[in-house]
Every structure is written in C-alpha cells, then in structure tokens.
Amino acid sequence: MIIATVQGGIFGVALAIGTLCLLVAIACAAWRLFTGPTLADRVVALDLVTVLLVVFLVVFKLVSGINAYVYAAIALALISFLATVAFAHYIDRSRDKDDANG
C-alpha cells in the first residue's frame, strides 16, 4: 500500500482495488479531456474528472481516517457544479453567436 490504512481485512482490500479503479477512470477521463474533438466533449470529460476526484477524496477519507477530505470533496463538488454551469452557458452563447453570423 502507498499509505497506511485505518481499515484492514477485506474492506481494506476493497478500498485498495476501488482506489486503483478510480485512478484508471480518472486517467481515461483526462485523456478524453485533452483529446476531445469538440468543446462539449471536453466539458463533459472535465465534469467526469471532477466527479471522480470527489469520489476519490471520499475513498481516501475511508482509507486514511482524516475527516478533512470529506470537506474538500464537498467544496470540489460545489465548485465543479458552478464550473459546469458556466461552461454550458458559454457553449450556449457561442452557438447563438454562430447562428446569428451564419
């Protein structure tokens, strides 16, 4: 293990496997974020990365036993929601501008 876990036994093994799966999912979503063909694909990938990071912080709280990670997860979830809404508004305005010019 990378860090010492508070949990042991089968639950500790499940947390380790879950952490590994989350890291793979974050890497795949980050790849889509960097290589997405359209802006909408990149916004969805960014939203997925932030959701996976929120889940990772909660799992890391279970592994380490430090409650501050839950507060960081809540803050990241709120900020990512606002960022997704802002990006959606930006995409909508850019489409309206394209329709007016075209």
Protein backbone atom coordinates (compact mmCIF):
# COMPACT_ATOMS: atom_id res chain seq x y z
CA MET A 1 0.00 0.00 0.00
CA ILE A 2 1.09 3.54 -0.66
CA ILE A 3 -0.15 4.80 2.69
CA ALA A 4 -1.00 3.08 5.93
CA THR A 5 -4.70 2.28 6.05
CA VAL A 6 -7.00 2.54 9.00
CA GLN A 7 -9.15 -0.27 7.61
CA GLY A 8 -7.91 -3.81 7.41
CA GLY A 9 -9.12 -7.13 6.13
CA ILE A 10 -11.46 -7.46 3.21
CA PHE A 11 -12.61 -3.84 3.48
CA GLY A 12 -9.03 -2.61 3.16
CA VAL A 13 -8.52 -4.76 0.08
CA ALA A 14 -11.77 -3.46 -1.43
CA LEU A 15 -10.65 0.12 -0.79
CA ALA A 16 -7.31 -0.56 -2.48
CA ILE A 17 -8.99 -2.09 -5.53
CA GLY A 18 -11.53 0.74 -5.64
CA THR A 19 -8.75 3.32 -5.48
CA LEU A 20 -6.92 1.64 -8.34
CA CYS A 21 -10.11 1.57 -10.45
CA LEU A 22 -10.75 5.25 -9.70
CA LEU A 23 -7.23 6.19 -10.78
CA VAL A 24 -7.67 4.32 -14.06
CA ALA A 25 -11.03 6.02 -14.64
CA ILE A 26 -9.53 9.45 -13.92
CA ALA A 27 -6.72 8.77 -16.38
CA CYS A 28 -9.19 7.74 -19.10
CA ALA A 29 -11.38 10.79 -18.50
CA ALA A 30 -8.32 13.06 -18.53
CA TRP A 31 -7.31 11.58 -21.88
CA ARG A 32 -10.76 12.46 -23.26
CA LEU A 33 -10.42 15.93 -21.74
CA PHE A 34 -7.17 16.57 -23.62
CA THR A 35 -8.11 14.89 -26.90
CA GLY A 36 -11.84 15.55 -27.13
CA PRO A 37 -12.83 16.58 -30.64
CA THR A 38 -15.41 19.16 -29.55
CA LEU A 39 -15.76 21.63 -26.72
CA ALA A 40 -18.83 19.81 -25.40
CA ASP A 41 -16.84 16.55 -25.13
CA ARG A 42 -14.19 18.36 -23.13
CA VAL A 43 -16.73 19.93 -20.78
CA VAL A 44 -18.34 16.55 -20.11
CA ALA A 45 -14.91 15.00 -19.55
CA LEU A 46 -13.99 17.80 -17.13
CA ASP A 47 -17.21 17.20 -15.22
CA LEU A 48 -16.46 13.47 -15.10
CA VAL A 49 -12.92 14.10 -13.83
CA THR A 50 -14.20 16.31 -11.03
CA VAL A 51 -16.88 13.80 -10.03
CA LEU A 52 -14.27 11.04 -9.95
CA LEU A 53 -11.98 13.26 -7.86
CA VAL A 54 -14.82 13.84 -5.39
CA VAL A 55 -15.32 10.08 -5.09
CA PHE A 56 -11.55 9.61 -4.77
CA LEU A 57 -11.44 12.09 -1.88
CA VAL A 58 -14.23 10.24 -0.07
CA VAL A 59 -12.50 6.90 -0.60
CA PHE A 60 -9.23 8.46 0.59
CA LYS A 61 -11.05 9.59 3.74
CA LEU A 62 -12.09 5.99 4.32
CA VAL A 63 -8.52 4.82 3.80
CA SER A 64 -6.79 7.42 5.95
CA GLY A 65 -9.46 8.24 8.52
CA ILE A 66 -8.95 12.02 8.16
CA ASN A 67 -12.28 13.85 8.03
CA ALA A 68 -10.91 16.92 6.22
CA TYR A 69 -11.04 15.05 2.90
CA VAL A 70 -14.84 14.98 3.07
CA TYR A 71 -14.93 18.77 3.40
CA ALA A 72 -12.56 19.09 0.45
CA ALA A 73 -14.83 16.75 -1.55
CA ILE A 74 -17.89 18.88 -0.77
CA ALA A 75 -16.07 22.07 -1.78
CA LEU A 76 -14.82 20.48 -5.02
CA ALA A 77 -18.34 19.25 -5.85
CA LEU A 78 -19.80 22.74 -5.39
CA ILE A 79 -17.09 24.41 -7.46
CA SER A 80 -17.32 21.82 -10.23
CA PHE A 81 -21.09 22.28 -10.43
CA LEU A 82 -20.65 26.01 -10.90
CA ALA A 83 -17.92 25.44 -13.49
CA THR A 84 -20.14 23.06 -15.47
CA VAL A 85 -22.99 25.56 -15.47
CA ALA A 86 -20.62 28.33 -16.58
CA PHE A 87 -19.21 26.21 -19.41
CA ALA A 88 -22.71 25.23 -20.54
CA HIS A 89 -23.68 28.89 -20.62
CA TYR A 90 -20.53 29.70 -22.62
CA ILE A 91 -21.28 26.95 -25.16
CA ASP A 92 -24.88 28.14 -25.49
CA ARG A 93 -23.79 31.74 -26.08
CA SER A 94 -21.17 30.73 -28.62
CA ARG A 95 -23.78 28.71 -30.55
CA ASP A 96 -26.18 31.66 -30.53
CA LYS A 97 -23.43 33.89 -31.86
CA ASP A 98 -22.61 31.38 -34.62
CA ASP A 99 -26.29 31.18 -35.60
CA ALA A 100 -26.52 34.96 -35.84
CA ASN A 101 -23.42 35.16 -38.07
CA GLY A 102 -24.22 32.16 -40.26
